[in-house]
Amino acid sequence: HLHKPVLIGEVRADGQFDVVWQTQQPIR
């Protein structure tokens, strides 16, 4: 498995996401 960061995003009106929370480093 990849070590990966975690990002949580809010839906924007244009169908993109604003990141509201993320880990500082990739997680095992």
mmCIF file of all heavy atoms, coordinates in Angstrom:
data_MODEL
# 
_entry.id   MODEL 
# 
loop_
_atom_site.group_PDB 
_atom_site.id 
_atom_site.type_symbol 
_atom_site.label_atom_id 
_atom_site.label_alt_id 
_atom_site.label_comp_id 
_atom_site.label_asym_id 
_atom_site.label_entity_id 
_atom_site.label_seq_id 
_atom_site.pdbx_PDB_ins_code 
_atom_site.Cartn_x 
_atom_site.Cartn_y 
_atom_site.Cartn_z 
_atom_site.occupancy 
_atom_site.B_iso_or_equiv 
_atom_site.pdbx_formal_charge 
_atom_site.auth_seq_id 
_atom_site.auth_comp_id 
_atom_site.auth_asym_id 
_atom_site.auth_atom_id 
_atom_site.pdbx_PDB_model_num 
ATOM 1   N N   . HIS A 1 1  ? 0.841   -1.202 0.000   1.00 0.00 ? 1  HIS A N   1 
ATOM 2   C CA  . HIS A 1 1  ? 0.000   0.000  0.000   1.00 0.00 ? 1  HIS A CA  1 
ATOM 3   C C   . HIS A 1 1  ? 0.873   1.247  0.000   1.00 0.00 ? 1  HIS A C   1 
ATOM 4   O O   . HIS A 1 1  ? 1.952   1.262  0.608   1.00 0.00 ? 1  HIS A O   1 
ATOM 5   C CB  . HIS A 1 1  ? -0.905  0.042  1.235   1.00 0.00 ? 1  HIS A CB  1 
ATOM 6   C CG  . HIS A 1 1  ? -2.040  -0.928 1.203   1.00 0.00 ? 1  HIS A CG  1 
ATOM 7   N ND1 . HIS A 1 1  ? -1.862  -2.296 1.246   1.00 0.00 ? 1  HIS A ND1 1 
ATOM 8   C CD2 . HIS A 1 1  ? -3.386  -0.725 1.145   1.00 0.00 ? 1  HIS A CD2 1 
ATOM 9   C CE1 . HIS A 1 1  ? -3.053  -2.899 1.217   1.00 0.00 ? 1  HIS A CE1 1 
ATOM 10  N NE2 . HIS A 1 1  ? -3.989  -1.962 1.148   1.00 0.00 ? 1  HIS A NE2 1 
ATOM 11  N N   . LEU A 1 2  ? 0.356   2.301  -0.632  1.00 0.00 ? 2  LEU A N   1 
ATOM 12  C CA  . LEU A 1 2  ? 1.040   3.585  -0.583  1.00 0.00 ? 2  LEU A CA  1 
ATOM 13  C C   . LEU A 1 2  ? 0.839   4.263  0.767   1.00 0.00 ? 2  LEU A C   1 
ATOM 14  O O   . LEU A 1 2  ? -0.243  4.182  1.360   1.00 0.00 ? 2  LEU A O   1 
ATOM 15  C CB  . LEU A 1 2  ? 0.496   4.518  -1.669  1.00 0.00 ? 2  LEU A CB  1 
ATOM 16  C CG  . LEU A 1 2  ? 0.926   4.283  -3.117  1.00 0.00 ? 2  LEU A CG  1 
ATOM 17  C CD1 . LEU A 1 2  ? 0.256   5.308  -4.014  1.00 0.00 ? 2  LEU A CD1 1 
ATOM 18  C CD2 . LEU A 1 2  ? 2.440   4.363  -3.257  1.00 0.00 ? 2  LEU A CD2 1 
ATOM 19  N N   . HIS A 1 3  ? 1.858   4.958  1.236   1.00 0.00 ? 3  HIS A N   1 
ATOM 20  C CA  . HIS A 1 3  ? 1.700   5.908  2.327   1.00 0.00 ? 3  HIS A CA  1 
ATOM 21  C C   . HIS A 1 3  ? 1.079   7.163  1.706   1.00 0.00 ? 3  HIS A C   1 
ATOM 22  O O   . HIS A 1 3  ? 1.644   7.736  0.768   1.00 0.00 ? 3  HIS A O   1 
ATOM 23  C CB  . HIS A 1 3  ? 3.050   6.250  2.956   1.00 0.00 ? 3  HIS A CB  1 
ATOM 24  C CG  . HIS A 1 3  ? 3.714   5.074  3.626   1.00 0.00 ? 3  HIS A CG  1 
ATOM 25  N ND1 . HIS A 1 3  ? 4.513   5.221  4.731   1.00 0.00 ? 3  HIS A ND1 1 
ATOM 26  C CD2 . HIS A 1 3  ? 3.692   3.744  3.369   1.00 0.00 ? 3  HIS A CD2 1 
ATOM 27  C CE1 . HIS A 1 3  ? 4.968   4.031  5.116   1.00 0.00 ? 3  HIS A CE1 1 
ATOM 28  N NE2 . HIS A 1 3  ? 4.476   3.125  4.286   1.00 0.00 ? 3  HIS A NE2 1 
ATOM 29  N N   . LYS A 1 4  ? -0.094  7.595  2.220   1.00 0.00 ? 4  LYS A N   1 
ATOM 30  C CA  . LYS A 1 4  ? -0.838  8.663  1.550   1.00 0.00 ? 4  LYS A CA  1 
ATOM 31  C C   . LYS A 1 4  ? -1.295  9.730  2.542   1.00 0.00 ? 4  LYS A C   1 
ATOM 32  O O   . LYS A 1 4  ? -1.639  9.412  3.686   1.00 0.00 ? 4  LYS A O   1 
ATOM 33  C CB  . LYS A 1 4  ? -2.080  8.102  0.841   1.00 0.00 ? 4  LYS A CB  1 
ATOM 34  C CG  . LYS A 1 4  ? -1.784  6.955  -0.121  1.00 0.00 ? 4  LYS A CG  1 
ATOM 35  C CD  . LYS A 1 4  ? -2.918  6.712  -1.091  1.00 0.00 ? 4  LYS A CD  1 
ATOM 36  C CE  . LYS A 1 4  ? -2.873  7.697  -2.228  1.00 0.00 ? 4  LYS A CE  1 
ATOM 37  N NZ  . LYS A 1 4  ? -3.846  7.382  -3.291  1.00 0.00 ? 4  LYS A NZ  1 
ATOM 38  N N   . PRO A 1 5  ? -1.382  11.000 2.103   1.00 0.00 ? 5  PRO A N   1 
ATOM 39  C CA  . PRO A 1 5  ? -2.012  12.016 2.939   1.00 0.00 ? 5  PRO A CA  1 
ATOM 40  C C   . PRO A 1 5  ? -3.527  11.844 2.920   1.00 0.00 ? 5  PRO A C   1 
ATOM 41  O O   . PRO A 1 5  ? -4.065  11.175 2.031   1.00 0.00 ? 5  PRO A O   1 
ATOM 42  C CB  . PRO A 1 5  ? -1.612  13.325 2.252   1.00 0.00 ? 5  PRO A CB  1 
ATOM 43  C CG  . PRO A 1 5  ? -1.525  12.942 0.801   1.00 0.00 ? 5  PRO A CG  1 
ATOM 44  C CD  . PRO A 1 5  ? -0.985  11.532 0.790   1.00 0.00 ? 5  PRO A CD  1 
ATOM 45  N N   . VAL A 1 6  ? -4.214  12.423 3.887   1.00 0.00 ? 6  VAL A N   1 
ATOM 46  C CA  . VAL A 1 6  ? -5.683  12.412 3.906   1.00 0.00 ? 6  VAL A CA  1 
ATOM 47  C C   . VAL A 1 6  ? -6.161  13.849 3.775   1.00 0.00 ? 6  VAL A C   1 
ATOM 48  O O   . VAL A 1 6  ? -5.699  14.731 4.504   1.00 0.00 ? 6  VAL A O   1 
ATOM 49  C CB  . VAL A 1 6  ? -6.236  11.804 5.210   1.00 0.00 ? 6  VAL A CB  1 
ATOM 50  C CG1 . VAL A 1 6  ? -7.762  11.691 5.131   1.00 0.00 ? 6  VAL A CG1 1 
ATOM 51  C CG2 . VAL A 1 6  ? -5.609  10.441 5.486   1.00 0.00 ? 6  VAL A CG2 1 
ATOM 52  N N   . LEU A 1 7  ? -7.070  14.092 2.824   1.00 0.00 ? 7  LEU A N   1 
ATOM 53  C CA  . LEU A 1 7  ? -7.622  15.419 2.599   1.00 0.00 ? 7  LEU A CA  1 
ATOM 54  C C   . LEU A 1 7  ? -9.144  15.353 2.685   1.00 0.00 ? 7  LEU A C   1 
ATOM 55  O O   . LEU A 1 7  ? -9.763  14.427 2.147   1.00 0.00 ? 7  LEU A O   1 
ATOM 56  C CB  . LEU A 1 7  ? -7.226  15.963 1.226   1.00 0.00 ? 7  LEU A CB  1 
ATOM 57  C CG  . LEU A 1 7  ? -5.791  16.436 0.995   1.00 0.00 ? 7  LEU A CG  1 
ATOM 58  C CD1 . LEU A 1 7  ? -4.812  15.273 0.963   1.00 0.00 ? 7  LEU A CD1 1 
ATOM 59  C CD2 . LEU A 1 7  ? -5.697  17.222 -0.316  1.00 0.00 ? 7  LEU A CD2 1 
ATOM 60  N N   . ILE A 1 8  ? -9.738  16.323 3.354   1.00 0.00 ? 8  ILE A N   1 
ATOM 61  C CA  . ILE A 1 8  ? -11.197 16.458 3.379   1.00 0.00 ? 8  ILE A CA  1 
ATOM 62  C C   . ILE A 1 8  ? -11.541 17.786 2.720   1.00 0.00 ? 8  ILE A C   1 
ATOM 63  O O   . ILE A 1 8  ? -10.960 18.825 3.051   1.00 0.00 ? 8  ILE A O   1 
ATOM 64  C CB  . ILE A 1 8  ? -11.741 16.391 4.817   1.00 0.00 ? 8  ILE A CB  1 
ATOM 65  C CG1 . ILE A 1 8  ? -11.444 15.014 5.413   1.00 0.00 ? 8  ILE A CG1 1 
ATOM 66  C CG2 . ILE A 1 8  ? -13.253 16.669 4.831   1.00 0.00 ? 8  ILE A CG2 1 
ATOM 67  C CD1 . ILE A 1 8  ? -11.804 14.880 6.876   1.00 0.00 ? 8  ILE A CD1 1 
ATOM 68  N N   . GLY A 1 9  ? -12.459 17.728 1.758   1.00 0.00 ? 9  GLY A N   1 
ATOM 69  C CA  . GLY A 1 9  ? -12.810 18.931 1.003   1.00 0.00 ? 9  GLY A CA  1 
ATOM 70  C C   . GLY A 1 9  ? -14.294 19.206 1.026   1.00 0.00 ? 9  GLY A C   1 
ATOM 71  O O   . GLY A 1 9  ? -15.117 18.293 1.134   1.00 0.00 ? 9  GLY A O   1 
ATOM 72  N N   . GLU A 1 10 ? -14.635 20.491 0.925   1.00 0.00 ? 10 GLU A N   1 
ATOM 73  C CA  . GLU A 1 10 ? -16.024 20.940 0.808   1.00 0.00 ? 10 GLU A CA  1 
ATOM 74  C C   . GLU A 1 10 ? -16.349 21.210 -0.652  1.00 0.00 ? 10 GLU A C   1 
ATOM 75  O O   . GLU A 1 10 ? -15.531 21.788 -1.385  1.00 0.00 ? 10 GLU A O   1 
ATOM 76  C CB  . GLU A 1 10 ? -16.228 22.244 1.583   1.00 0.00 ? 10 GLU A CB  1 
ATOM 77  C CG  . GLU A 1 10 ? -16.374 22.082 3.079   1.00 0.00 ? 10 GLU A CG  1 
ATOM 78  C CD  . GLU A 1 10 ? -16.719 23.398 3.760   1.00 0.00 ? 10 GLU A CD  1 
ATOM 79  O OE1 . GLU A 1 10 ? -16.696 24.463 3.098   1.00 0.00 ? 10 GLU A OE1 1 
ATOM 80  O OE2 . GLU A 1 10 ? -17.009 23.356 4.964   1.00 0.00 ? 10 GLU A OE2 1 
ATOM 81  N N   . VAL A 1 11 ? -17.556 20.795 -1.060  1.00 0.00 ? 11 VAL A N   1 
ATOM 82  C CA  . VAL A 1 11 ? -18.007 21.047 -2.430  1.00 0.00 ? 11 VAL A CA  1 
ATOM 83  C C   . VAL A 1 11 ? -18.162 22.546 -2.663  1.00 0.00 ? 11 VAL A C   1 
ATOM 84  O O   . VAL A 1 11 ? -18.767 23.257 -1.862  1.00 0.00 ? 11 VAL A O   1 
ATOM 85  C CB  . VAL A 1 11 ? -19.347 20.339 -2.709  1.00 0.00 ? 11 VAL A CB  1 
ATOM 86  C CG1 . VAL A 1 11 ? -19.830 20.633 -4.131  1.00 0.00 ? 11 VAL A CG1 1 
ATOM 87  C CG2 . VAL A 1 11 ? -19.224 18.831 -2.503  1.00 0.00 ? 11 VAL A CG2 1 
ATOM 88  N N   . ARG A 1 12 ? -17.598 23.004 -3.792  1.00 0.00 ? 12 ARG A N   1 
ATOM 89  C CA  . ARG A 1 12 ? -17.768 24.388 -4.222  1.00 0.00 ? 12 ARG A CA  1 
ATOM 90  C C   . ARG A 1 12 ? -18.821 24.449 -5.326  1.00 0.00 ? 12 ARG A C   1 
ATOM 91  O O   . ARG A 1 12 ? -19.209 23.426 -5.899  1.00 0.00 ? 12 ARG A O   1 
ATOM 92  C CB  . ARG A 1 12 ? -16.452 24.948 -4.775  1.00 0.00 ? 12 ARG A CB  1 
ATOM 93  C CG  . ARG A 1 12 ? -15.310 24.919 -3.812  1.00 0.00 ? 12 ARG A CG  1 
ATOM 94  C CD  . ARG A 1 12 ? -14.101 25.730 -4.261  1.00 0.00 ? 12 ARG A CD  1 
ATOM 95  N NE  . ARG A 1 12 ? -13.723 25.624 -5.666  1.00 0.00 ? 12 ARG A NE  1 
ATOM 96  C CZ  . ARG A 1 12 ? -12.465 25.686 -6.106  1.00 0.00 ? 12 ARG A CZ  1 
ATOM 97  N NH1 . ARG A 1 12 ? -11.468 25.820 -5.226  1.00 0.00 ? 12 ARG A NH1 1 
ATOM 98  N NH2 . ARG A 1 12 ? -12.195 25.605 -7.396  1.00 0.00 ? 12 ARG A NH2 1 
ATOM 99  N N   . ALA A 1 13 ? -19.260 25.648 -5.659  1.00 0.00 ? 13 ALA A N   1 
ATOM 100 C CA  . ALA A 1 13 ? -20.297 25.818 -6.680  1.00 0.00 ? 13 ALA A CA  1 
ATOM 101 C C   . ALA A 1 13 ? -19.836 25.337 -8.048  1.00 0.00 ? 13 ALA A C   1 
ATOM 102 O O   . ALA A 1 13 ? -20.649 24.933 -8.885  1.00 0.00 ? 13 ALA A O   1 
ATOM 103 C CB  . ALA A 1 13 ? -20.724 27.281 -6.753  1.00 0.00 ? 13 ALA A CB  1 
ATOM 104 N N   . ASP A 1 14 ? -18.508 25.360 -8.293  1.00 0.00 ? 14 ASP A N   1 
ATOM 105 C CA  . ASP A 1 14 ? -17.996 24.939 -9.599  1.00 0.00 ? 14 ASP A CA  1 
ATOM 106 C C   . ASP A 1 14 ? -17.684 23.448 -9.670  1.00 0.00 ? 14 ASP A C   1 
ATOM 107 O O   . ASP A 1 14 ? -17.099 22.968 -10.644 1.00 0.00 ? 14 ASP A O   1 
ATOM 108 C CB  . ASP A 1 14 ? -16.746 25.748 -9.962  1.00 0.00 ? 14 ASP A CB  1 
ATOM 109 C CG  . ASP A 1 14 ? -15.591 25.540 -8.985  1.00 0.00 ? 14 ASP A CG  1 
ATOM 110 O OD1 . ASP A 1 14 ? -15.773 24.804 -7.987  1.00 0.00 ? 14 ASP A OD1 1 
ATOM 111 O OD2 . ASP A 1 14 ? -14.510 26.117 -9.224  1.00 0.00 ? 14 ASP A OD2 1 
ATOM 112 N N   . GLY A 1 15 ? -18.070 22.683 -8.624  1.00 0.00 ? 15 GLY A N   1 
ATOM 113 C CA  . GLY A 1 15 ? -17.844 21.243 -8.634  1.00 0.00 ? 15 GLY A CA  1 
ATOM 114 C C   . GLY A 1 15 ? -16.456 20.842 -8.182  1.00 0.00 ? 15 GLY A C   1 
ATOM 115 O O   . GLY A 1 15 ? -16.113 19.659 -8.204  1.00 0.00 ? 15 GLY A O   1 
ATOM 116 N N   . GLN A 1 16 ? -15.667 21.811 -7.766  1.00 0.00 ? 16 GLN A N   1 
ATOM 117 C CA  . GLN A 1 16 ? -14.361 21.537 -7.184  1.00 0.00 ? 16 GLN A CA  1 
ATOM 118 C C   . GLN A 1 16 ? -14.493 21.499 -5.654  1.00 0.00 ? 16 GLN A C   1 
ATOM 119 O O   . GLN A 1 16 ? -15.597 21.633 -5.111  1.00 0.00 ? 16 GLN A O   1 
ATOM 120 C CB  . GLN A 1 16 ? -13.353 22.603 -7.615  1.00 0.00 ? 16 GLN A CB  1 
ATOM 121 C CG  . GLN A 1 16 ? -13.021 22.567 -9.103  1.00 0.00 ? 16 GLN A CG  1 
ATOM 122 C CD  . GLN A 1 16 ? -12.235 21.335 -9.483  1.00 0.00 ? 16 GLN A CD  1 
ATOM 123 O OE1 . GLN A 1 16 ? -11.308 20.930 -8.801  1.00 0.00 ? 16 GLN A OE1 1 
ATOM 124 N NE2 . GLN A 1 16 ? -12.603 20.708 -10.589 1.00 0.00 ? 16 GLN A NE2 1 
ATOM 125 N N   . PHE A 1 17 ? -13.373 21.291 -4.961  1.00 0.00 ? 17 PHE A N   1 
ATOM 126 C CA  . PHE A 1 17 ? -13.389 21.163 -3.509  1.00 0.00 ? 17 PHE A CA  1 
ATOM 127 C C   . PHE A 1 17 ? -12.392 22.117 -2.861  1.00 0.00 ? 17 PHE A C   1 
ATOM 128 O O   . PHE A 1 17 ? -11.262 22.263 -3.347  1.00 0.00 ? 17 PHE A O   1 
ATOM 129 C CB  . PHE A 1 17 ? -13.008 19.726 -3.099  1.00 0.00 ? 17 PHE A CB  1 
ATOM 130 C CG  . PHE A 1 17 ? -14.018 18.686 -3.494  1.00 0.00 ? 17 PHE A CG  1 
ATOM 131 C CD1 . PHE A 1 17 ? -13.981 18.101 -4.753  1.00 0.00 ? 17 PHE A CD1 1 
ATOM 132 C CD2 . PHE A 1 17 ? -15.017 18.285 -2.613  1.00 0.00 ? 17 PHE A CD2 1 
ATOM 133 C CE1 . PHE A 1 17 ? -14.900 17.138 -5.131  1.00 0.00 ? 17 PHE A CE1 1 
ATOM 134 C CE2 . PHE A 1 17 ? -15.944 17.322 -2.978  1.00 0.00 ? 17 PHE A CE2 1 
ATOM 135 C CZ  . PHE A 1 17 ? -15.889 16.750 -4.236  1.00 0.00 ? 17 PHE A CZ  1 
ATOM 136 N N   . ASP A 1 18 ? -12.836 22.759 -1.790  1.00 0.00 ? 18 ASP A N   1 
ATOM 137 C CA  . ASP A 1 18 ? -11.923 23.508 -0.927  1.00 0.00 ? 18 ASP A CA  1 
ATOM 138 C C   . ASP A 1 18 ? -11.469 22.581 0.190   1.00 0.00 ? 18 ASP A C   1 
ATOM 139 O O   . ASP A 1 18 ? -12.308 22.009 0.904   1.00 0.00 ? 18 ASP A O   1 
ATOM 140 C CB  . ASP A 1 18 ? -12.617 24.737 -0.320  1.00 0.00 ? 18 ASP A CB  1 
ATOM 141 C CG  . ASP A 1 18 ? -12.735 25.878 -1.312  1.00 0.00 ? 18 ASP A CG  1 
ATOM 142 O OD1 . ASP A 1 18 ? -11.829 26.023 -2.164  1.00 0.00 ? 18 ASP A OD1 1 
ATOM 143 O OD2 . ASP A 1 18 ? -13.726 26.629 -1.236  1.00 0.00 ? 18 ASP A OD2 1 
ATOM 144 N N   . VAL A 1 19 ? -10.163 22.426 0.351   1.00 0.00 ? 19 VAL A N   1 
ATOM 145 C CA  . VAL A 1 19 ? -9.636  21.563 1.407   1.00 0.00 ? 19 VAL A CA  1 
ATOM 146 C C   . VAL A 1 19 ? -9.841  22.247 2.756   1.00 0.00 ? 19 VAL A C   1 
ATOM 147 O O   . VAL A 1 19 ? -9.368  23.358 2.983   1.00 0.00 ? 19 VAL A O   1 
ATOM 148 C CB  . VAL A 1 19 ? -8.139  21.260 1.177   1.00 0.00 ? 19 VAL A CB  1 
ATOM 149 C CG1 . VAL A 1 19 ? -7.587  20.419 2.329   1.00 0.00 ? 19 VAL A CG1 1 
ATOM 150 C CG2 . VAL A 1 19 ? -7.946  20.533 -0.150  1.00 0.00 ? 19 VAL A CG2 1 
ATOM 151 N N   . VAL A 1 20 ? -10.586 21.562 3.656   1.00 0.00 ? 20 VAL A N   1 
ATOM 152 C CA  . VAL A 1 20 ? -10.867 22.126 4.980   1.00 0.00 ? 20 VAL A CA  1 
ATOM 153 C C   . VAL A 1 20 ? -10.036 21.463 6.079   1.00 0.00 ? 20 VAL A C   1 
ATOM 154 O O   . VAL A 1 20 ? -9.933  21.981 7.186   1.00 0.00 ? 20 VAL A O   1 
ATOM 155 C CB  . VAL A 1 20 ? -12.371 22.012 5.329   1.00 0.00 ? 20 VAL A CB  1 
ATOM 156 C CG1 . VAL A 1 20 ? -13.207 22.847 4.368   1.00 0.00 ? 20 VAL A CG1 1 
ATOM 157 C CG2 . VAL A 1 20 ? -12.850 20.555 5.310   1.00 0.00 ? 20 VAL A CG2 1 
ATOM 158 N N   . TRP A 1 21 ? -9.454  20.305 5.744   1.00 0.00 ? 21 TRP A N   1 
ATOM 159 C CA  . TRP A 1 21 ? -8.610  19.593 6.725   1.00 0.00 ? 21 TRP A CA  1 
ATOM 160 C C   . TRP A 1 21 ? -7.714  18.635 5.973   1.00 0.00 ? 21 TRP A C   1 
ATOM 161 O O   . TRP A 1 21 ? -8.120  18.043 4.968   1.00 0.00 ? 21 TRP A O   1 
ATOM 162 C CB  . TRP A 1 21 ? -9.501  18.815 7.703   1.00 0.00 ? 21 TRP A CB  1 
ATOM 163 C CG  . TRP A 1 21 ? -8.738  18.073 8.768   1.00 0.00 ? 21 TRP A CG  1 
ATOM 164 C CD1 . TRP A 1 21 ? -8.379  18.551 9.994   1.00 0.00 ? 21 TRP A CD1 1 
ATOM 165 C CD2 . TRP A 1 21 ? -8.249  16.726 8.700   1.00 0.00 ? 21 TRP A CD2 1 
ATOM 166 N NE1 . TRP A 1 21 ? -7.692  17.592 10.692  1.00 0.00 ? 21 TRP A NE1 1 
ATOM 167 C CE2 . TRP A 1 21 ? -7.590  16.460 9.928   1.00 0.00 ? 21 TRP A CE2 1 
ATOM 168 C CE3 . TRP A 1 21 ? -8.286  15.729 7.732   1.00 0.00 ? 21 TRP A CE3 1 
ATOM 169 C CZ2 . TRP A 1 21 ? -6.989  15.230 10.207  1.00 0.00 ? 21 TRP A CZ2 1 
ATOM 170 C CZ3 . TRP A 1 21 ? -7.680  14.511 7.995   1.00 0.00 ? 21 TRP A CZ3 1 
ATOM 171 C CH2 . TRP A 1 21 ? -7.046  14.270 9.227   1.00 0.00 ? 21 TRP A CH2 1 
ATOM 172 N N   . GLN A 1 22 ? -6.481  18.490 6.456   1.00 0.00 ? 22 GLN A N   1 
ATOM 173 C CA  . GLN A 1 22 ? -5.598  17.489 5.867   1.00 0.00 ? 22 GLN A CA  1 
ATOM 174 C C   . GLN A 1 22 ? -4.527  17.093 6.872   1.00 0.00 ? 22 GLN A C   1 
ATOM 175 O O   . GLN A 1 22 ? -4.239  17.824 7.821   1.00 0.00 ? 22 GLN A O   1 
ATOM 176 C CB  . GLN A 1 22 ? -4.944  18.009 4.586   1.00 0.00 ? 22 GLN A CB  1 
ATOM 177 C CG  . GLN A 1 22 ? -3.921  19.102 4.775   1.00 0.00 ? 22 GLN A CG  1 
ATOM 178 C CD  . GLN A 1 22 ? -3.277  19.501 3.457   1.00 0.00 ? 22 GLN A CD  1 
ATOM 179 O OE1 . GLN A 1 22 ? -3.969  19.927 2.526   1.00 0.00 ? 22 GLN A OE1 1 
ATOM 180 N NE2 . GLN A 1 22 ? -1.970  19.364 3.359   1.00 0.00 ? 22 GLN A NE2 1 
ATOM 181 N N   . THR A 1 23 ? -3.959  15.910 6.651   1.00 0.00 ? 23 THR A N   1 
ATOM 182 C CA  . THR A 1 23 ? -2.828  15.485 7.472   1.00 0.00 ? 23 THR A CA  1 
ATOM 183 C C   . THR A 1 23 ? -1.577  16.231 6.997   1.00 0.00 ? 23 THR A C   1 
ATOM 184 O O   . THR A 1 23 ? -1.491  16.670 5.852   1.00 0.00 ? 23 THR A O   1 
ATOM 185 C CB  . THR A 1 23 ? -2.588  13.968 7.345   1.00 0.00 ? 23 THR A CB  1 
ATOM 186 O OG1 . THR A 1 23 ? -2.398  13.635 5.961   1.00 0.00 ? 23 THR A OG1 1 
ATOM 187 C CG2 . THR A 1 23 ? -3.774  13.186 7.896   1.00 0.00 ? 23 THR A CG2 1 
ATOM 188 N N   . GLN A 1 24 ? -0.628  16.354 7.887   1.00 0.00 ? 24 GLN A N   1 
ATOM 189 C CA  . GLN A 1 24 ? 0.609   17.057 7.544   1.00 0.00 ? 24 GLN A CA  1 
ATOM 190 C C   . GLN A 1 24 ? 1.573   16.160 6.773   1.00 0.00 ? 24 GLN A C   1 
ATOM 191 O O   . GLN A 1 24 ? 2.414   16.642 6.026   1.00 0.00 ? 24 GLN A O   1 
ATOM 192 C CB  . GLN A 1 24 ? 1.288   17.580 8.815   1.00 0.00 ? 24 GLN A CB  1 
ATOM 193 C CG  . GLN A 1 24 ? 0.482   18.654 9.545   1.00 0.00 ? 24 GLN A CG  1 
ATOM 194 C CD  . GLN A 1 24 ? 0.117   19.821 8.637   1.00 0.00 ? 24 GLN A CD  1 
ATOM 195 O OE1 . GLN A 1 24 ? 0.985   20.457 8.045   1.00 0.00 ? 24 GLN A OE1 1 
ATOM 196 N NE2 . GLN A 1 24 ? -1.182  20.094 8.516   1.00 0.00 ? 24 GLN A NE2 1 
ATOM 197 N N   . GLN A 1 25 ? 1.451   14.843 6.976   1.00 0.00 ? 25 GLN A N   1 
ATOM 198 C CA  . GLN A 1 25 ? 2.350   13.884 6.352   1.00 0.00 ? 25 GLN A CA  1 
ATOM 199 C C   . GLN A 1 25 ? 1.545   12.709 5.791   1.00 0.00 ? 25 GLN A C   1 
ATOM 200 O O   . GLN A 1 25 ? 0.421   12.473 6.221   1.00 0.00 ? 25 GLN A O   1 
ATOM 201 C CB  . GLN A 1 25 ? 3.371   13.351 7.382   1.00 0.00 ? 25 GLN A CB  1 
ATOM 202 C CG  . GLN A 1 25 ? 4.267   14.413 8.004   1.00 0.00 ? 25 GLN A CG  1 
ATOM 203 C CD  . GLN A 1 25 ? 5.215   15.060 7.012   1.00 0.00 ? 25 GLN A CD  1 
ATOM 204 O OE1 . GLN A 1 25 ? 5.599   14.442 6.010   1.00 0.00 ? 25 GLN A OE1 1 
ATOM 205 N NE2 . GLN A 1 25 ? 5.593   16.304 7.261   1.00 0.00 ? 25 GLN A NE2 1 
ATOM 206 N N   . PRO A 1 26 ? 2.116   11.967 4.851   1.00 0.00 ? 26 PRO A N   1 
ATOM 207 C CA  . PRO A 1 26 ? 1.451   10.729 4.412   1.00 0.00 ? 26 PRO A CA  1 
ATOM 208 C C   . PRO A 1 26 ? 1.301   9.740  5.570   1.00 0.00 ? 26 PRO A C   1 
ATOM 209 O O   . PRO A 1 26 ? 2.147   9.677  6.460   1.00 0.00 ? 26 PRO A O   1 
ATOM 210 C CB  . PRO A 1 26 ? 2.404   10.177 3.342   1.00 0.00 ? 26 PRO A CB  1 
ATOM 211 C CG  . PRO A 1 26 ? 3.179   11.360 2.868   1.00 0.00 ? 26 PRO A CG  1 
ATOM 212 C CD  . PRO A 1 26 ? 3.341   12.244 4.076   1.00 0.00 ? 26 PRO A CD  1 
ATOM 213 N N   . ILE A 1 27 ? 0.203   8.994  5.548   1.00 0.00 ? 27 ILE A N   1 
ATOM 214 C CA  . ILE A 1 27 ? -0.142  8.031  6.595   1.00 0.00 ? 27 ILE A CA  1 
ATOM 215 C C   . ILE A 1 27 ? 0.092   6.616  6.069   1.00 0.00 ? 27 ILE A C   1 
ATOM 216 O O   . ILE A 1 27 ? -0.287  6.293  4.939   1.00 0.00 ? 27 ILE A O   1 
ATOM 217 C CB  . ILE A 1 27 ? -1.630  8.185  7.005   1.00 0.00 ? 27 ILE A CB  1 
ATOM 218 C CG1 . ILE A 1 27 ? -1.932  9.623  7.437   1.00 0.00 ? 27 ILE A CG1 1 
ATOM 219 C CG2 . ILE A 1 27 ? -2.006  7.189  8.095   1.00 0.00 ? 27 ILE A CG2 1 
ATOM 220 C CD1 . ILE A 1 27 ? -1.140  10.106 8.632   1.00 0.00 ? 27 ILE A CD1 1 
ATOM 221 N N   . ARG A 1 28 ? 0.694   5.755  6.893   1.00 0.00 ? 28 ARG A N   1 
ATOM 222 C CA  . ARG A 1 28 ? 0.874   4.351  6.508   1.00 0.00 ? 28 ARG A CA  1 
ATOM 223 C C   . ARG A 1 28 ? -0.475  3.630  6.564   1.00 0.00 ? 28 ARG A C   1 
ATOM 224 O O   . ARG A 1 28 ? -1.248  3.792  7.512   1.00 0.00 ? 28 ARG A O   1 
ATOM 225 C CB  . ARG A 1 28 ? 1.869   3.661  7.444   1.00 0.00 ? 28 ARG A CB  1 
ATOM 226 C CG  . ARG A 1 28 ? 2.158   2.209  7.043   1.00 0.00 ? 28 ARG A CG  1 
ATOM 227 C CD  . ARG A 1 28 ? 3.212   1.560  7.949   1.00 0.00 ? 28 ARG A CD  1 
ATOM 228 N NE  . ARG A 1 28 ? 3.631   0.253  7.417   1.00 0.00 ? 28 ARG A NE  1 
ATOM 229 C CZ  . ARG A 1 28 ? 3.202   -0.915 7.883   1.00 0.00 ? 28 ARG A CZ  1 
ATOM 230 N NH1 . ARG A 1 28 ? 2.383   -0.968 8.917   1.00 0.00 ? 28 ARG A NH1 1 
ATOM 231 N NH2 . ARG A 1 28 ? 3.616   -2.048 7.332   1.00 0.00 ? 28 ARG A NH2 1 
# 
